[in-house]
Amino acid sequence: MQTQPSAAPSLQGKVSDSEWQLRVDLAAAYRLIAHYGWDDMIFTHLSVRIPGPEHHFLINPFGALFEEITASSLVKIDADGNKIDDTPLPVNPAGFTIHSAIHEARADAHCVMHTHTVAGVAVAAHSEGLLPLSQQSLFPLSSLAYHDYEGIAVREDEKARLVADLGSAHFMILRNHGLLTCAATVADAFLFMFVMQRACEIQVAALAGDRPLTPVPQPIIDKIQSEGDKVTSNQGGLLAWPGLLRKLDRIDRSYRD
């Protein structure tokens, strides 16, 4: 019988303070994905790199619902998806293919998030991709890449093409597959996903209205990032992250275990 994530022994005080904070933040991100209804049962992954030369990462135990993830149940793996610690919790090395490619290629991509939401996959199926139809869409459009669907992402040879398509972007639409964000912090990666997901929801709703649409002009798109930095006082996701943690604490603090 598979060990339940909630039964994982606490690692607080047994790992470095920096690793523990990353565990809490990543567990919170999993819970928030579930809270907003963006999870796909046990599928898709969020990962974060642990500081240090070892290139170790944290990822969800395979088979756990996102609403069950705790800081201590997150599994430490290497760049090939192999478990580092002696834990009965399983991992899915194949599921780390996309994440490992990006982590390896992008030193700034400490956190990578990937979702299969209805709106996200719908926009990923649109031939034109994400359209400049809302203020929310402008932030992804300022740093957006696309990767064509090649089947379930388990083949090593796809990594090079994925990385080449991503380039230096922080947002990616995986055609016919879903959404992906990467950033230096869990907070920023989550904020990026929130904004892109909302942009996709708005686009799907707008296209369903069967009326002429008004796209945002390109010159406005070109300056949106600098304007957005002013709104958040250059704090990015860190401005909203404490509030999101307070929300989770009110709902269920067990993600911190």
Protein backbone atom coordinates (compact mmCIF):
# COMPACT_ATOMS: atom_id res chain seq x y z
CA MET A 1 0.00 0.00 0.00
CA GLN A 2 1.31 3.46 -0.90
CA THR A 3 2.37 5.65 2.02
CA GLN A 4 0.10 8.64 2.44
CA PRO A 5 1.79 12.06 2.08
CA SER A 6 0.21 13.21 5.34
CA ALA A 7 2.02 10.36 7.09
CA ALA A 8 5.45 11.57 5.98
CA PRO A 9 7.63 12.29 9.05
CA SER A 10 8.35 15.98 9.56
CA LEU A 11 11.62 17.19 8.07
CA GLN A 12 11.56 20.52 9.86
CA GLY A 13 14.88 20.90 11.64
CA LYS A 14 16.33 17.98 9.66
CA VAL A 15 17.02 19.98 6.51
CA SER A 16 18.56 23.40 6.07
CA ASP A 17 16.46 26.48 6.76
CA SER A 18 16.59 27.44 3.09
CA GLU A 19 15.39 24.01 1.98
CA TRP A 20 12.60 24.01 4.55
CA GLN A 21 11.36 27.41 3.36
CA LEU A 22 11.34 26.15 -0.23
CA ARG A 23 9.41 23.07 0.90
CA VAL A 24 6.77 25.24 2.58
CA ASP A 25 6.49 27.54 -0.43
CA LEU A 26 6.25 24.71 -2.97
CA ALA A 27 3.72 22.81 -0.85
CA ALA A 28 1.71 26.03 -0.66
CA ALA A 29 1.84 26.36 -4.45
CA TYR A 30 0.48 22.82 -4.85
CA ARG A 31 -2.35 23.60 -2.45
CA LEU A 32 -3.11 26.87 -4.25
CA ILE A 33 -3.22 25.09 -7.62
CA ALA A 34 -5.79 22.73 -6.11
CA HIS A 35 -7.67 25.59 -4.43
CA TYR A 36 -8.13 27.41 -7.73
CA GLY A 37 -9.14 24.21 -9.52
CA TRP A 38 -6.12 24.07 -11.82
CA ASP A 39 -4.95 20.60 -10.83
CA ASP A 40 -5.35 17.57 -13.09
CA MET A 41 -5.90 14.95 -10.39
CA ILE A 42 -2.39 13.57 -9.72
CA PHE A 43 -0.85 14.69 -13.01
CA THR A 44 1.44 17.62 -13.88
CA HIS A 45 4.18 18.90 -11.60
CA LEU A 46 5.64 21.92 -9.85
CA SER A 47 9.34 21.79 -9.05
CA VAL A 48 11.92 23.97 -7.35
CA ARG A 49 15.69 23.79 -7.18
CA ILE A 50 17.39 23.55 -3.79
CA PRO A 51 20.38 25.91 -3.40
CA GLY A 52 23.76 24.23 -3.65
CA PRO A 53 26.08 22.58 -6.15
CA GLU A 54 24.25 19.24 -6.11
CA HIS A 55 21.45 20.37 -8.46
CA HIS A 56 18.79 18.73 -6.33
CA PHE A 57 15.11 19.50 -6.73
CA LEU A 58 11.83 19.13 -4.87
CA ILE A 59 8.80 17.61 -6.57
CA ASN A 60 5.49 16.04 -5.59
CA PRO A 61 5.19 12.39 -4.56
CA PHE A 62 3.52 10.67 -7.51
CA GLY A 63 0.00 9.54 -6.69
CA ALA A 64 -0.74 12.30 -4.18
CA LEU A 65 -3.48 14.79 -4.87
CA PHE A 66 -2.27 18.37 -4.89
CA GLU A 67 -4.53 19.11 -1.92
CA GLU A 68 -2.60 16.50 0.10
CA ILE A 69 0.92 17.81 -0.48
CA THR A 70 2.90 18.85 2.58
CA ALA A 71 6.33 20.40 3.00
CA SER A 72 7.73 17.11 4.35
CA SER A 73 6.13 14.90 1.70
CA LEU A 74 7.87 16.67 -1.17
CA VAL A 75 10.53 14.35 -2.59
CA LYS A 76 14.14 15.41 -3.19
CA ILE A 77 15.43 14.22 -6.56
CA ASP A 78 18.47 14.68 -8.78
CA ALA A 79 18.55 16.04 -12.33
CA ASP A 80 17.53 12.63 -13.69
CA GLY A 81 14.50 12.36 -11.43
CA ASN A 82 16.04 9.80 -9.07
CA LYS A 83 15.21 9.98 -5.35
CA ILE A 84 17.99 11.31 -3.14
CA ASP A 85 16.58 10.41 0.27
CA ASP A 86 15.34 7.10 1.58
CA THR A 87 11.60 7.65 1.38
CA PRO A 88 8.73 5.28 0.60
CA LEU A 89 6.98 8.04 -1.30
CA PRO A 90 7.14 7.38 -5.06
CA VAL A 91 8.18 9.76 -7.83
CA ASN A 92 7.56 9.75 -11.55
CA PRO A 93 10.93 10.31 -13.28
CA ALA A 94 9.20 10.64 -16.67
CA GLY A 95 7.11 13.48 -15.30
CA PHE A 96 10.28 15.44 -14.56
CA THR A 97 11.39 15.45 -18.23
CA ILE A 98 10.05 18.92 -19.01
CA HIS A 99 11.18 20.36 -15.69
CA SER A 100 14.70 18.90 -15.82
CA ALA A 101 15.26 20.28 -19.31
CA ILE A 102 14.38 23.81 -18.21
CA HIS A 103 16.20 23.67 -14.87
CA GLU A 104 19.35 22.45 -16.62
CA ALA A 105 19.25 25.10 -19.35
CA ARG A 106 18.12 28.11 -17.33
CA ALA A 107 20.06 29.12 -14.24
CA ASP A 108 17.31 31.65 -13.44
CA ALA A 109 14.52 29.04 -13.58
CA HIS A 110 14.66 27.92 -9.97
CA CYS A 111 10.94 27.11 -10.03
CA VAL A 112 8.99 25.55 -12.92
CA MET A 113 5.21 25.11 -12.93
CA HIS A 114 3.17 23.16 -15.48
CA THR A 115 -0.63 22.82 -15.63
CA HIS A 116 -3.29 21.11 -17.76
CA THR A 117 -6.25 23.41 -17.13
CA VAL A 118 -9.30 23.42 -19.38
CA ALA A 119 -8.81 27.05 -20.43
CA GLY A 120 -5.06 26.62 -20.77
CA VAL A 121 -5.33 23.57 -23.01
CA ALA A 122 -8.12 25.25 -24.99
CA VAL A 123 -5.88 28.24 -25.77
CA ALA A 124 -2.99 25.86 -26.45
CA ALA A 125 -5.20 24.30 -29.13
CA HIS A 126 -6.02 27.67 -30.75
CA SER A 127 -3.96 28.13 -33.92
CA GLU A 128 -3.25 31.74 -32.93
CA GLY A 129 -2.39 30.88 -29.33
CA LEU A 130 -2.80 33.58 -26.71
CA LEU A 131 -4.39 36.74 -28.11
CA PRO A 132 -3.97 40.31 -26.75
CA LEU A 133 -7.56 40.59 -25.61
CA SER A 134 -7.13 41.59 -21.97
CA GLN A 135 -4.78 43.39 -19.65
CA GLN A 136 -3.95 40.01 -18.14
CA SER A 137 -2.82 38.64 -21.50
CA LEU A 138 -0.23 41.37 -21.96
CA PHE A 139 2.13 40.12 -19.26
CA PRO A 140 2.53 36.62 -20.75
CA LEU A 141 2.70 38.10 -24.24
CA SER A 142 5.69 40.18 -23.19
CA SER A 143 7.70 36.99 -22.54
CA LEU A 144 5.88 34.10 -24.25
CA ALA A 145 7.17 31.04 -26.09
CA TYR A 146 5.44 28.09 -27.80
CA HIS A 147 6.39 24.44 -28.11
CA ASP A 148 4.65 22.11 -30.57
CA TYR A 149 3.09 18.92 -29.28
CA GLU A 150 5.25 15.81 -29.77
CA GLY A 151 3.26 13.35 -27.68
CA ILE A 152 3.64 12.61 -23.98
CA ALA A 153 6.83 14.36 -22.88
CA VAL A 154 8.97 11.39 -21.87
CA ARG A 155 11.63 11.31 -24.60
CA GLU A 156 15.10 12.71 -23.94
CA ASP A 157 15.49 14.06 -27.46
CA GLU A 158 12.56 16.44 -26.99
CA LYS A 159 14.43 18.33 -24.25
CA ALA A 160 16.69 20.21 -26.67
CA ARG A 161 13.77 21.37 -28.79
CA LEU A 162 11.78 22.42 -25.72
CA VAL A 163 14.69 24.46 -24.37
CA ALA A 164 15.34 26.05 -27.76
CA ASP A 165 11.69 27.05 -28.05
CA LEU A 166 11.60 28.47 -24.52
CA GLY A 167 14.71 30.60 -24.96
CA SER A 168 14.72 33.31 -22.29
CA ALA A 169 10.91 33.45 -21.91
CA HIS A 170 9.15 33.02 -18.58
CA PHE A 171 5.82 31.88 -20.03
CA MET A 172 5.28 28.98 -22.41
CA ILE A 173 2.27 27.46 -24.10
CA LEU A 174 2.74 23.79 -24.86
CA ARG A 175 0.57 23.26 -27.93
CA ASN A 176 -2.40 20.93 -27.29
CA HIS A 177 -0.96 20.28 -23.85
CA GLY A 178 -1.05 23.13 -21.34
CA LEU A 179 0.72 26.05 -19.71
CA LEU A 180 4.16 26.47 -18.20
CA THR A 181 5.89 29.21 -16.21
CA CYS A 182 9.39 29.50 -14.81
CA ALA A 183 10.93 32.05 -12.46
CA ALA A 184 13.56 32.62 -9.81
CA THR A 185 11.07 32.12 -6.96
CA VAL A 186 7.99 30.03 -6.24
CA ALA A 187 6.07 33.25 -5.67
CA ASP A 188 6.91 34.66 -9.11
CA ALA A 189 6.26 31.38 -10.92
CA PHE A 190 2.85 31.15 -9.25
CA LEU A 191 1.96 34.75 -10.05
CA PHE A 192 2.95 34.17 -13.67
CA MET A 193 0.72 31.08 -13.80
CA PHE A 194 -2.17 32.95 -12.17
CA VAL A 195 -2.00 35.74 -14.73
CA MET A 196 -1.64 33.43 -17.75
CA GLN A 197 -4.43 31.16 -16.56
CA ARG A 198 -6.72 34.15 -16.07
CA ALA A 199 -5.80 35.46 -19.54
CA CYS A 200 -6.74 32.09 -21.05
CA GLU A 201 -10.07 32.03 -19.18
CA ILE A 202 -10.88 35.51 -20.47
CA GLN A 203 -9.92 34.57 -24.03
CA VAL A 204 -12.13 31.47 -24.02
CA ALA A 205 -15.04 33.54 -22.68
CA ALA A 206 -14.45 36.35 -25.17
CA LEU A 207 -14.33 33.99 -28.15
CA ALA A 208 -17.56 32.37 -26.98
CA GLY A 209 -19.34 35.74 -27.17
CA ASP A 210 -19.57 35.62 -30.98
CA ARG A 211 -18.90 39.35 -31.36
CA PRO A 212 -16.03 41.29 -32.96
CA LEU A 213 -13.08 41.57 -30.58
CA THR A 214 -10.78 44.52 -29.90
CA PRO A 215 -7.11 43.47 -29.59
CA VAL A 216 -4.66 45.56 -27.58
CA PRO A 217 -2.21 47.43 -29.89
CA GLN A 218 1.37 46.16 -29.98
CA PRO A 219 2.95 49.40 -28.65
CA ILE A 220 0.98 48.96 -25.42
CA ILE A 221 2.09 45.33 -25.14
CA ASP A 222 5.70 46.42 -25.58
CA LYS A 223 5.68 48.63 -22.49
CA ILE A 224 3.45 46.56 -20.20
CA GLN A 225 6.29 44.89 -18.26
CA SER A 226 7.81 48.14 -17.03
CA GLU A 227 4.38 49.41 -16.06
CA GLY A 228 3.63 46.17 -14.22
CA ASP A 229 6.87 46.49 -12.24
CA LYS A 230 5.69 49.91 -11.06
CA VAL A 231 2.40 48.45 -9.85
CA THR A 232 4.18 45.81 -7.74
CA SER A 233 7.03 48.13 -6.69
CA ASN A 234 9.39 45.68 -8.41
CA GLN A 235 8.43 42.98 -5.90
CA GLY A 236 6.63 40.78 -8.42
CA GLY A 237 5.00 37.75 -6.86
CA LEU A 238 6.46 38.48 -3.44
CA LEU A 239 3.89 41.25 -3.00
CA ALA A 240 0.95 38.82 -3.18
CA TRP A 241 2.61 35.70 -1.77
CA PRO A 242 2.21 36.47 1.98
CA GLY A 243 -1.50 37.05 1.44
CA LEU A 244 -1.83 33.76 -0.41
CA LEU A 245 -0.13 31.97 2.48
CA ARG A 246 -2.54 33.64 4.90
CA LYS A 247 -5.41 32.39 2.75
CA LEU A 248 -4.08 28.84 2.95
CA ASP A 249 -3.50 29.15 6.69
CA ARG A 250 -7.16 30.03 7.15
CA ILE A 251 -8.24 27.05 5.04
CA ASP A 252 -5.79 24.34 6.17
CA ARG A 253 -2.32 24.86 7.67
CA SER A 254 -1.27 21.24 7.11
CA TYR A 255 0.73 22.15 4.01
CA ARG A 256 3.34 23.46 6.48
CA ASP A 257 3.82 20.02 8.09
